[in-house]
Amino acid sequence: MSATASANRSAPRKRRGAERPVSLLLGLPLAIVVGCLLLWPLAVLAFNSVVSQTDGVTFDNYVTVLTSDRYLNSFLITSVLAVGSTLLALLLCVPAALYIERTKSRASRGIAVALTIPLSLPGIVIGFFVILLFGNVGLVPVASNAMFGEPVGAMAYTFTGLLLGYLYFNIPRVILVVRGAVAQIPHDTLDAARTLGATPWHVYQRVVIPALRPAIASASALSLATAFGAYGTAVTLSRGYRVVPLDIADAFTESFQPQLAATLSVVLALVTTLILVIVSRLGEKGGKLS
């Protein structure tokens, strides 16, 4: 009996050992892509951010970025736009995903298509959409002026307009992730909760939201990463409000300071990574608690 039990225990280990080379082989293309397109460029940026042709190794650019009011303000505005647009996207997309997946009607399918259209549009086009709606001669100000005698809603080039552009850009990314998670919630679980006397709010609070926490964390991470690196929308709508990608572009192309551009890129990558790690940990804790 002991020999048989020992053989049974060793069989899975042998299978895992045989599958390991296959797993490594399957993961090799991804490892090459990540190394070439992510790790190597980041290493070059980190090197260029501290090595100067004239001064050798120097951290002056990091001191400038971390102490300059201009760049600190850019990081603050970028963070507020990223976090604000992500929160608004979640508030809009979680109920929309529940409606789309639970009703399966023509109207819900139309809403799903409309919400995912911005996924195929560049940021500059989305910025123009905001201008067409909320510019000085946009649809909303012109219509309000015709109806009330005073233009209202000309906010394309304000912080609110910039936030709307980021929100419009993030909605399709959030809705796709959350819809997939909503589709996985068993109808039997919801029916059982209702049978036990739970109100719709309690079903939503005690069953739906805990089940969606990992997806919400993933959608938040995707939205935040997209917003921190957004350039097209910002360059179209930003007047008086600076975001980090614009500062990187200006340092590289206008002021011809590639070392400063590399420093800003490294700091932005570190800030984004830190926020994504925090969001991921919160999602993992939420999934365990649920």
C-alpha atoms as a PDB file:
ATOM      1  CA  MET A   1       0.000   0.000   0.000  1.00  0.00           C
ATOM      2  CA  SER A   2       2.789   2.413   0.886  1.00  0.00           C
ATOM      3  CA  ALA A   3       4.564   1.789  -2.418  1.00  0.00           C
ATOM      4  CA  THR A   4       1.317   2.416  -4.313  1.00  0.00           C
ATOM      5  CA  ALA A   5       0.637   5.609  -2.377  1.00  0.00           C
ATOM      6  CA  SER A   6       4.188   6.801  -2.984  1.00  0.00           C
ATOM      7  CA  ALA A   7       3.815   6.133  -6.709  1.00  0.00           C
ATOM      8  CA  ASN A   8       0.533   8.031  -6.775  1.00  0.00           C
ATOM      9  CA  ARG A   9       2.130  11.026  -5.101  1.00  0.00           C
ATOM     10  CA  SER A  10       5.116  11.059  -7.422  1.00  0.00           C
ATOM     11  CA  ALA A  11       3.016  10.849 -10.611  1.00  0.00           C
ATOM     12  CA  PRO A  12       1.774  14.474 -10.480  1.00  0.00           C
ATOM     13  CA  ARG A  13       5.330  15.656  -9.805  1.00  0.00           C
ATOM     14  CA  LYS A  14       6.581  13.832 -12.891  1.00  0.00           C
ATOM     15  CA  ARG A  15       3.797  15.327 -14.992  1.00  0.00           C
ATOM     16  CA  ARG A  16       4.605  18.821 -13.711  1.00  0.00           C
ATOM     17  CA  GLY A  17       8.270  18.240 -14.465  1.00  0.00           C
ATOM     18  CA  ALA A  18       7.441  17.135 -18.000  1.00  0.00           C
ATOM     19  CA  GLU A  19       5.128  20.113 -18.561  1.00  0.00           C
ATOM     20  CA  ARG A  20       7.632  22.681 -17.314  1.00  0.00           C
ATOM     21  CA  PRO A  21       9.762  22.837 -20.501  1.00  0.00           C
ATOM     22  CA  VAL A  22       6.586  23.175 -22.575  1.00  0.00           C
ATOM     23  CA  SER A  23       5.381  26.052 -20.345  1.00  0.00           C
ATOM     24  CA  LEU A  24       8.754  27.773 -20.610  1.00  0.00           C
ATOM     25  CA  LEU A  25       8.699  27.381 -24.382  1.00  0.00           C
ATOM     26  CA  LEU A  26       5.190  28.833 -24.598  1.00  0.00           C
ATOM     27  CA  GLY A  27       6.167  31.781 -22.430  1.00  0.00           C
ATOM     28  CA  LEU A  28       9.388  32.492 -24.323  1.00  0.00           C
ATOM     29  CA  PRO A  29       7.836  34.696 -27.090  1.00  0.00           C
ATOM     30  CA  LEU A  30       6.093  36.845 -24.483  1.00  0.00           C
ATOM     31  CA  ALA A  31       9.294  37.134 -22.466  1.00  0.00           C
ATOM     32  CA  ILE A  32      11.165  38.292 -25.576  1.00  0.00           C
ATOM     33  CA  VAL A  33       8.495  40.868 -26.406  1.00  0.00           C
ATOM     34  CA  VAL A  34       8.410  42.193 -22.825  1.00  0.00           C
ATOM     35  CA  GLY A  35      12.197  42.360 -22.712  1.00  0.00           C
ATOM     36  CA  CYS A  36      12.541  44.140 -26.064  1.00  0.00           C
ATOM     37  CA  LEU A  37       9.564  46.492 -25.877  1.00  0.00           C
ATOM     38  CA  LEU A  38       9.390  47.244 -22.141  1.00  0.00           C
ATOM     39  CA  LEU A  39      12.429  46.340 -20.049  1.00  0.00           C
ATOM     40  CA  TRP A  40      15.092  47.435 -22.541  1.00  0.00           C
ATOM     41  CA  PRO A  41      13.518  50.859 -23.275  1.00  0.00           C
ATOM     42  CA  LEU A  42      13.010  51.446 -19.548  1.00  0.00           C
ATOM     43  CA  ALA A  43      16.637  50.561 -18.885  1.00  0.00           C
ATOM     44  CA  VAL A  44      17.769  52.976 -21.609  1.00  0.00           C
ATOM     45  CA  LEU A  45      15.521  55.730 -20.196  1.00  0.00           C
ATOM     46  CA  ALA A  46      16.855  55.147 -16.679  1.00  0.00           C
ATOM     47  CA  PHE A  47      20.439  55.272 -17.991  1.00  0.00           C
ATOM     48  CA  ASN A  48      19.851  58.433 -20.026  1.00  0.00           C
ATOM     49  CA  SER A  49      18.131  60.123 -17.085  1.00  0.00           C
ATOM     50  CA  VAL A  50      21.291  60.032 -14.938  1.00  0.00           C
ATOM     51  CA  VAL A  51      24.120  60.072 -17.494  1.00  0.00           C
ATOM     52  CA  SER A  52      25.084  63.323 -19.197  1.00  0.00           C
ATOM     53  CA  GLN A  53      27.649  63.686 -21.966  1.00  0.00           C
ATOM     54  CA  THR A  54      29.121  66.741 -20.268  1.00  0.00           C
ATOM     55  CA  ASP A  55      28.659  66.093 -16.531  1.00  0.00           C
ATOM     56  CA  GLY A  56      28.808  62.317 -16.366  1.00  0.00           C
ATOM     57  CA  VAL A  57      26.534  60.720 -13.789  1.00  0.00           C
ATOM     58  CA  THR A  58      24.187  63.311 -12.284  1.00  0.00           C
ATOM     59  CA  PHE A  59      20.813  63.357 -10.568  1.00  0.00           C
ATOM     60  CA  ASP A  60      20.178  67.039 -11.210  1.00  0.00           C
ATOM     61  CA  ASN A  61      17.183  66.316 -13.431  1.00  0.00           C
ATOM     62  CA  TYR A  62      15.539  64.244 -10.711  1.00  0.00           C
ATOM     63  CA  VAL A  63      16.074  67.117  -8.275  1.00  0.00           C
ATOM     64  CA  THR A  64      14.523  69.475 -10.818  1.00  0.00           C
ATOM     65  CA  VAL A  65      11.498  67.247 -11.450  1.00  0.00           C
ATOM     66  CA  LEU A  66      10.869  66.554  -7.768  1.00  0.00           C
ATOM     67  CA  THR A  67      11.283  70.151  -6.586  1.00  0.00           C
ATOM     68  CA  SER A  68       9.931  72.232  -9.474  1.00  0.00           C
ATOM     69  CA  ASP A  69       6.442  73.607  -8.965  1.00  0.00           C
ATOM     70  CA  ARG A  70       5.774  73.228 -12.686  1.00  0.00           C
ATOM     71  CA  TYR A  71       6.459  69.503 -12.819  1.00  0.00           C
ATOM     72  CA  LEU A  72       4.906  68.737  -9.434  1.00  0.00           C
ATOM     73  CA  ASN A  73       1.762  70.530 -10.586  1.00  0.00           C
ATOM     74  CA  SER A  74       1.810  68.500 -13.820  1.00  0.00           C
ATOM     75  CA  PHE A  75       1.998  65.259 -11.851  1.00  0.00           C
ATOM     76  CA  LEU A  76      -0.822  66.438  -9.588  1.00  0.00           C
ATOM     77  CA  ILE A  77      -3.091  67.375 -12.512  1.00  0.00           C
ATOM     78  CA  THR A  78      -2.277  64.111 -14.310  1.00  0.00           C
ATOM     79  CA  SER A  79      -3.073  62.095 -11.178  1.00  0.00           C
ATOM     80  CA  VAL A  80      -6.351  63.925 -10.541  1.00  0.00           C
ATOM     81  CA  LEU A  81      -7.428  63.438 -14.162  1.00  0.00           C
ATOM     82  CA  ALA A  82      -6.510  59.743 -14.103  1.00  0.00           C
ATOM     83  CA  VAL A  83      -8.169  58.974 -10.767  1.00  0.00           C
ATOM     84  CA  GLY A  84     -11.192  61.210 -11.416  1.00  0.00           C
ATOM     85  CA  SER A  85     -11.907  59.811 -14.884  1.00  0.00           C
ATOM     86  CA  THR A  86     -11.470  56.260 -13.568  1.00  0.00           C
ATOM     87  CA  LEU A  87     -13.927  56.773 -10.707  1.00  0.00           C
ATOM     88  CA  LEU A  88     -16.482  58.396 -13.009  1.00  0.00           C
ATOM     89  CA  ALA A  89     -16.056  55.605 -15.552  1.00  0.00           C
ATOM     90  CA  LEU A  90     -16.697  52.999 -12.855  1.00  0.00           C
ATOM     91  CA  LEU A  91     -19.797  54.851 -11.609  1.00  0.00           C
ATOM     92  CA  LEU A  92     -21.182  54.902 -15.151  1.00  0.00           C
ATOM     93  CA  CYS A  93     -20.008  51.537 -16.439  1.00  0.00           C
ATOM     94  CA  VAL A  94     -20.852  49.158 -13.578  1.00  0.00           C
ATOM     95  CA  PRO A  95     -24.624  49.899 -13.724  1.00  0.00           C
ATOM     96  CA  ALA A  96     -24.442  49.975 -17.536  1.00  0.00           C
ATOM     97  CA  ALA A  97     -22.726  46.576 -17.617  1.00  0.00           C
ATOM     98  CA  LEU A  98     -25.387  45.117 -15.324  1.00  0.00           C
ATOM     99  CA  TYR A  99     -28.153  46.511 -17.538  1.00  0.00           C
ATOM    100  CA  ILE A 100     -26.546  45.294 -20.769  1.00  0.00           C
ATOM    101  CA  GLU A 101     -25.852  41.761 -19.535  1.00  0.00           C
ATOM    102  CA  ARG A 102     -29.134  41.268 -17.663  1.00  0.00           C
ATOM    103  CA  THR A 103     -31.586  42.611 -20.244  1.00  0.00           C
ATOM    104  CA  LYS A 104     -30.052  41.425 -23.553  1.00  0.00           C
ATOM    105  CA  SER A 105     -32.447  43.713 -25.427  1.00  0.00           C
ATOM    106  CA  ARG A 106     -31.899  45.662 -28.642  1.00  0.00           C
ATOM    107  CA  ALA A 107     -31.548  48.836 -26.624  1.00  0.00           C
ATOM    108  CA  SER A 108     -28.879  47.299 -24.418  1.00  0.00           C
ATOM    109  CA  ARG A 109     -26.968  45.997 -27.421  1.00  0.00           C
ATOM    110  CA  GLY A 110     -27.096  49.460 -28.965  1.00  0.00           C
ATOM    111  CA  ILE A 111     -25.800  51.006 -25.755  1.00  0.00           C
ATOM    112  CA  ALA A 112     -22.989  48.437 -25.653  1.00  0.00           C
ATOM    113  CA  VAL A 113     -21.918  49.322 -29.190  1.00  0.00           C
ATOM    114  CA  ALA A 114     -22.095  53.057 -28.484  1.00  0.00           C
ATOM    115  CA  LEU A 115     -19.989  52.725 -25.332  1.00  0.00           C
ATOM    116  CA  THR A 116     -17.247  50.754 -27.076  1.00  0.00           C
ATOM    117  CA  ILE A 117     -16.911  52.965 -30.178  1.00  0.00           C
ATOM    118  CA  PRO A 118     -14.310  55.298 -28.559  1.00  0.00           C
ATOM    119  CA  LEU A 119     -11.984  52.286 -28.233  1.00  0.00           C
ATOM    120  CA  SER A 120     -11.181  52.574 -31.941  1.00  0.00           C
ATOM    121  CA  LEU A 121     -10.667  56.347 -31.904  1.00  0.00           C
ATOM    122  CA  PRO A 122      -7.388  58.159 -31.231  1.00  0.00           C
ATOM    123  CA  GLY A 123      -7.224  60.657 -28.405  1.00  0.00           C
ATOM    124  CA  ILE A 124      -7.068  63.630 -30.762  1.00  0.00           C
ATOM    125  CA  VAL A 125     -10.407  62.657 -32.323  1.00  0.00           C
ATOM    126  CA  ILE A 126     -11.980  62.317 -28.888  1.00  0.00           C
ATOM    127  CA  GLY A 127     -10.663  65.774 -28.048  1.00  0.00           C
ATOM    128  CA  PHE A 128     -12.343  67.145 -31.171  1.00  0.00           C
ATOM    129  CA  PHE A 129     -15.600  65.473 -30.111  1.00  0.00           C
ATOM    130  CA  VAL A 130     -15.451  67.379 -26.822  1.00  0.00           C
ATOM    131  CA  ILE A 131     -14.763  70.618 -28.730  1.00  0.00           C
ATOM    132  CA  LEU A 132     -17.715  69.985 -31.074  1.00  0.00           C
ATOM    133  CA  LEU A 133     -19.985  69.497 -28.068  1.00  0.00           C
ATOM    134  CA  PHE A 134     -18.594  71.964 -25.519  1.00  0.00           C
ATOM    135  CA  GLY A 135     -16.374  74.367 -27.473  1.00  0.00           C
ATOM    136  CA  ASN A 136     -17.097  78.081 -27.679  1.00  0.00           C
ATOM    137  CA  VAL A 137     -19.262  77.440 -30.755  1.00  0.00           C
ATOM    138  CA  GLY A 138     -20.064  73.845 -29.849  1.00  0.00           C
ATOM    139  CA  LEU A 139     -23.472  72.209 -29.908  1.00  0.00           C
ATOM    140  CA  VAL A 140     -24.308  72.728 -26.227  1.00  0.00           C
ATOM    141  CA  PRO A 141     -23.367  76.453 -25.970  1.00  0.00           C
ATOM    142  CA  VAL A 142     -25.061  77.289 -29.279  1.00  0.00           C
ATOM    143  CA  ALA A 143     -28.237  75.379 -28.372  1.00  0.00           C
ATOM    144  CA  SER A 144     -28.380  76.917 -24.885  1.00  0.00           C
ATOM    145  CA  ASN A 145     -27.872  80.377 -26.360  1.00  0.00           C
ATOM    146  CA  ALA A 146     -30.731  79.806 -28.820  1.00  0.00           C
ATOM    147  CA  MET A 147     -33.080  78.561 -26.094  1.00  0.00           C
ATOM    148  CA  PHE A 148     -32.150  80.755 -23.120  1.00  0.00           C
ATOM    149  CA  GLY A 149     -30.347  83.703 -24.664  1.00  0.00           C
ATOM    150  CA  GLU A 150     -27.084  82.841 -22.927  1.00  0.00           C
ATOM    151  CA  PRO A 151     -24.430  80.265 -23.889  1.00  0.00           C
ATOM    152  CA  VAL A 152     -23.949  77.572 -21.256  1.00  0.00           C
ATOM    153  CA  GLY A 153     -21.516  74.663 -21.250  1.00  0.00           C
ATOM    154  CA  ALA A 154     -18.545  76.161 -23.116  1.00  0.00           C
ATOM    155  CA  MET A 155     -16.049  74.140 -21.105  1.00  0.00           C
ATOM    156  CA  ALA A 156     -13.994  72.265 -23.719  1.00  0.00           C
ATOM    157  CA  TYR A 157     -10.766  74.029 -22.766  1.00  0.00           C
ATOM    158  CA  THR A 158     -11.329  73.973 -19.018  1.00  0.00           C
ATOM    159  CA  PHE A 159     -10.333  71.305 -16.508  1.00  0.00           C
ATOM    160  CA  THR A 160     -13.872  69.900 -16.721  1.00  0.00           C
ATOM    161  CA  GLY A 161     -13.596  69.568 -20.487  1.00  0.00           C
ATOM    162  CA  LEU A 162     -10.250  67.813 -20.147  1.00  0.00           C
ATOM    163  CA  LEU A 163     -11.776  65.454 -17.575  1.00  0.00           C
ATOM    164  CA  LEU A 164     -14.666  64.698 -19.947  1.00  0.00           C
ATOM    165  CA  GLY A 165     -12.180  63.837 -22.685  1.00  0.00           C
ATOM    166  CA  TYR A 166     -10.350  61.426 -20.386  1.00  0.00           C
ATOM    167  CA  LEU A 167     -13.654  59.948 -19.241  1.00  0.00           C
ATOM    168  CA  TYR A 168     -14.838  59.393 -22.814  1.00  0.00           C
ATOM    169  CA  PHE A 169     -11.526  57.690 -23.581  1.00  0.00           C
ATOM    170  CA  ASN A 170     -11.733  55.361 -20.551  1.00  0.00           C
ATOM    171  CA  ILE A 171     -15.379  54.288 -20.710  1.00  0.00           C
ATOM    172  CA  PRO A 172     -14.961  51.532 -23.351  1.00  0.00           C
ATOM    173  CA  ARG A 173     -12.000  50.002 -21.517  1.00  0.00           C
ATOM    174  CA  VAL A 174     -13.910  49.833 -18.248  1.00  0.00           C
ATOM    175  CA  ILE A 175     -17.182  48.595 -19.742  1.00  0.00           C
ATOM    176  CA  LEU A 176     -15.534  45.690 -21.574  1.00  0.00           C
ATOM    177  CA  VAL A 177     -13.789  44.387 -18.462  1.00  0.00           C
ATOM    178  CA  VAL A 178     -16.806  44.775 -16.171  1.00  0.00           C
ATOM    179  CA  ARG A 179     -19.239  43.260 -18.708  1.00  0.00           C
ATOM    180  CA  GLY A 180     -17.158  40.107 -18.860  1.00  0.00           C
ATOM    181  CA  ALA A 181     -17.299  39.767 -15.075  1.00  0.00           C
ATOM    182  CA  VAL A 182     -21.049  40.467 -14.903  1.00  0.00           C
ATOM    183  CA  ALA A 183     -21.676  37.724 -17.462  1.00  0.00           C
ATOM    184  CA  GLN A 184     -19.935  35.249 -15.137  1.00  0.00           C
ATOM    185  CA  ILE A 185     -22.223  35.903 -12.146  1.00  0.00           C
ATOM    186  CA  PRO A 186     -24.606  32.903 -11.929  1.00  0.00           C
ATOM    187  CA  HIS A 187     -28.274  33.788 -12.173  1.00  0.00           C
ATOM    188  CA  ASP A 188     -28.967  31.108  -9.548  1.00  0.00           C
ATOM    189  CA  THR A 189     -26.975  33.055  -6.971  1.00  0.00           C
ATOM    190  CA  LEU A 190     -29.017  36.201  -7.545  1.00  0.00           C
ATOM    191  CA  ASP A 191     -32.286  34.251  -7.549  1.00  0.00           C
ATOM    192  CA  ALA A 192     -31.349  32.532  -4.290  1.00  0.00           C
ATOM    193  CA  ALA A 193     -30.625  35.873  -2.635  1.00  0.00           C
ATOM    194  CA  ARG A 194     -33.998  37.239  -3.754  1.00  0.00           C
ATOM    195  CA  THR A 195     -35.743  34.083  -2.548  1.00  0.00           C
ATOM    196  CA  LEU A 196     -34.213  34.573   0.883  1.00  0.00           C
ATOM    197  CA  GLY A 197     -35.830  38.002   1.029  1.00  0.00           C
ATOM    198  CA  ALA A 198     -32.950  40.230  -0.001  1.00  0.00           C
ATOM    199  CA  THR A 199     -33.948  43.567  -1.472  1.00  0.00           C
ATOM    200  CA  PRO A 200     -32.476  44.621  -4.847  1.00  0.00           C
ATOM    201  CA  TRP A 201     -30.088  46.962  -3.037  1.00  0.00           C
ATOM    202  CA  HIS A 202     -28.890  44.172  -0.727  1.00  0.00           C
ATOM    203  CA  VAL A 203     -28.417  41.846  -3.709  1.00  0.00           C
ATOM    204  CA  TYR A 204     -26.361  44.527  -5.396  1.00  0.00           C
ATOM    205  CA  GLN A 205     -24.384  45.320  -2.241  1.00  0.00           C
ATOM    206  CA  ARG A 206     -23.828  41.810  -0.833  1.00  0.00           C
ATOM    207  CA  VAL A 207     -23.632  39.688  -3.994  1.00  0.00           C
ATOM    208  CA  VAL A 208     -22.936  41.684  -7.136  1.00  0.00           C
ATOM    209  CA  ILE A 209     -20.276  44.149  -5.950  1.00  0.00           C
ATOM    210  CA  PRO A 210     -18.164  41.515  -4.106  1.00  0.00           C
ATOM    211  CA  ALA A 211     -18.262  39.319  -7.208  1.00  0.00           C
ATOM    212  CA  LEU A 212     -17.155  42.250  -9.360  1.00  0.00           C
ATOM    213  CA  ARG A 213     -14.324  43.492  -7.135  1.00  0.00           C
ATOM    214  CA  PRO A 214     -11.487  41.752  -9.043  1.00  0.00           C
ATOM    215  CA  ALA A 215     -12.908  42.998 -12.358  1.00  0.00           C
ATOM    216  CA  ILE A 216     -13.334  46.514 -10.962  1.00  0.00           C
ATOM    217  CA  ALA A 217      -9.695  46.452  -9.839  1.00  0.00           C
ATOM    218  CA  SER A 218      -8.575  45.261 -13.298  1.00  0.00           C
ATOM    219  CA  ALA A 219     -10.701  47.887 -15.044  1.00  0.00           C
ATOM    220  CA  SER A 220      -9.342  50.575 -12.711  1.00  0.00           C
ATOM    221  CA  ALA A 221      -5.761  49.550 -13.433  1.00  0.00           C
ATOM    222  CA  LEU A 222      -6.369  49.620 -17.192  1.00  0.00           C
ATOM    223  CA  SER A 223      -8.117  52.988 -16.992  1.00  0.00           C
ATOM    224  CA  LEU A 224      -5.431  54.536 -14.795  1.00  0.00           C
ATOM    225  CA  ALA A 225      -2.603  53.286 -16.998  1.00  0.00           C
ATOM    226  CA  THR A 226      -4.339  54.667 -20.089  1.00  0.00           C
ATOM    227  CA  ALA A 227      -5.058  58.038 -18.472  1.00  0.00           C
ATOM    228  CA  PHE A 228      -1.538  58.544 -17.128  1.00  0.00           C
ATOM    229  CA  GLY A 229      -0.106  58.079 -20.602  1.00  0.00           C
ATOM    230  CA  ALA A 230      -2.805  59.940 -22.560  1.00  0.00           C
ATOM    231  CA  TYR A 231      -1.358  62.445 -25.004  1.00  0.00           C
ATOM    232  CA  GLY A 232      -3.760  63.052 -27.899  1.00  0.00           C
ATOM    233  CA  THR A 233      -6.703  64.145 -25.770  1.00  0.00           C
ATOM    234  CA  ALA A 234      -4.503  66.358 -23.606  1.00  0.00           C
ATOM    235  CA  VAL A 235      -2.758  68.068 -26.510  1.00  0.00           C
ATOM    236  CA  THR A 236      -6.143  68.843 -28.076  1.00  0.00           C
ATOM    237  CA  LEU A 237      -7.904  70.200 -24.983  1.00  0.00           C
ATOM    238  CA  SER A 238      -5.170  71.394 -22.641  1.00  0.00           C
ATOM    239  CA  ARG A 239      -4.952  75.174 -22.433  1.00  0.00           C
ATOM    240  CA  GLY A 240      -3.378  76.304 -19.214  1.00  0.00           C
ATOM    241  CA  TYR A 241      -3.370  72.793 -17.728  1.00  0.00           C
ATOM    242  CA  ARG A 242      -0.188  70.800 -18.116  1.00  0.00           C
ATOM    243  CA  VAL A 243      -0.003  67.033 -17.890  1.00  0.00           C
ATOM    244  CA  VAL A 244       3.175  64.956 -17.734  1.00  0.00           C
ATOM    245  CA  PRO A 245       3.026  63.475 -21.277  1.00  0.00           C
ATOM    246  CA  LEU A 246       2.937  67.027 -22.681  1.00  0.00           C
ATOM    247  CA  ASP A 247       5.938  68.004 -20.564  1.00  0.00           C
ATOM    248  CA  ILE A 248       7.811  64.937 -21.835  1.00  0.00           C
ATOM    249  CA  ALA A 249       7.046  65.842 -25.439  1.00  0.00           C
ATOM    250  CA  ASP A 250       8.037  69.479 -24.904  1.00  0.00           C
ATOM    251  CA  ALA A 251      11.317  68.536 -23.215  1.00  0.00           C
ATOM    252  CA  PHE A 252      12.213  66.182 -26.044  1.00  0.00           C
ATOM    253  CA  THR A 253      11.087  68.175 -29.097  1.00  0.00           C
ATOM    254  CA  GLU A 254      10.923  71.873 -28.177  1.00  0.00           C
ATOM    255  CA  SER A 255      13.549  72.515 -25.514  1.00  0.00           C
ATOM    256  CA  PHE A 256      15.835  69.702 -26.780  1.00  0.00           C
ATOM    257  CA  GLN A 257      16.436  68.209 -23.332  1.00  0.00           C
ATOM    258  CA  PRO A 258      16.297  64.449 -23.886  1.00  0.00           C
ATOM    259  CA  GLN A 259      17.800  63.784 -20.447  1.00  0.00           C
ATOM    260  CA  LEU A 260      14.989  65.726 -18.760  1.00  0.00           C
ATOM    261  CA  ALA A 261      12.436  63.918 -20.938  1.00  0.00           C
ATOM    262  CA  ALA A 262      13.924  60.592 -19.877  1.00  0.00           C
ATOM    263  CA  THR A 263      13.757  61.625 -16.204  1.00  0.00           C
ATOM    264  CA  LEU A 264      10.094  62.634 -16.493  1.00  0.00           C
ATOM    265  CA  SER A 265       9.354  59.333 -18.232  1.00  0.00           C
ATOM    266  CA  VAL A 266      11.024  57.302 -15.496  1.00  0.00           C
ATOM    267  CA  VAL A 267       9.227  59.172 -12.701  1.00  0.00           C
ATOM    268  CA  LEU A 268       5.900  58.814 -14.527  1.00  0.00           C
ATOM    269  CA  ALA A 269       6.516  55.081 -14.973  1.00  0.00           C
ATOM    270  CA  LEU A 270       7.336  54.704 -11.263  1.00  0.00           C
ATOM    271  CA  VAL A 271       4.252  56.653 -10.151  1.00  0.00           C
ATOM    272  CA  THR A 272       2.009  54.684 -12.503  1.00  0.00           C
ATOM    273  CA  THR A 273       3.489  51.359 -11.401  1.00  0.00           C
ATOM    274  CA  LEU A 274       3.033  52.238  -7.726  1.00  0.00           C
ATOM    275  CA  ILE A 275      -0.629  53.134  -8.250  1.00  0.00           C
ATOM    276  CA  LEU A 276      -1.259  49.988 -10.311  1.00  0.00           C
ATOM    277  CA  VAL A 277       0.315  47.811  -7.600  1.00  0.00           C
ATOM    278  CA  ILE A 278      -1.881  49.433  -4.945  1.00  0.00           C
ATOM    279  CA  VAL A 279      -5.020  48.927  -7.066  1.00  0.00           C
ATOM    280  CA  SER A 280      -4.048  45.318  -7.766  1.00  0.00           C
ATOM    281  CA  ARG A 281      -3.512  44.599  -4.061  1.00  0.00           C
ATOM    282  CA  LEU A 282      -6.860  46.143  -3.199  1.00  0.00           C
ATOM    283  CA  GLY A 283      -8.508  43.947  -5.831  1.00  0.00           C
ATOM    284  CA  GLU A 284      -6.849  40.834  -4.423  1.00  0.00           C
ATOM    285  CA  LYS A 285      -7.962  41.681  -0.883  1.00  0.00           C
ATOM    286  CA  GLY A 286     -11.474  42.382  -2.121  1.00  0.00           C
ATOM    287  CA  GLY A 287     -11.585  39.057  -3.933  1.00  0.00           C
ATOM    288  CA  LYS A 288     -10.430  37.182  -0.807  1.00  0.00           C
ATOM    289  CA  LEU A 289     -12.936  38.983   1.404  1.00  0.00           C
ATOM    290  CA  SER A 290     -15.799  38.177  -0.962  1.00  0.00           C
END
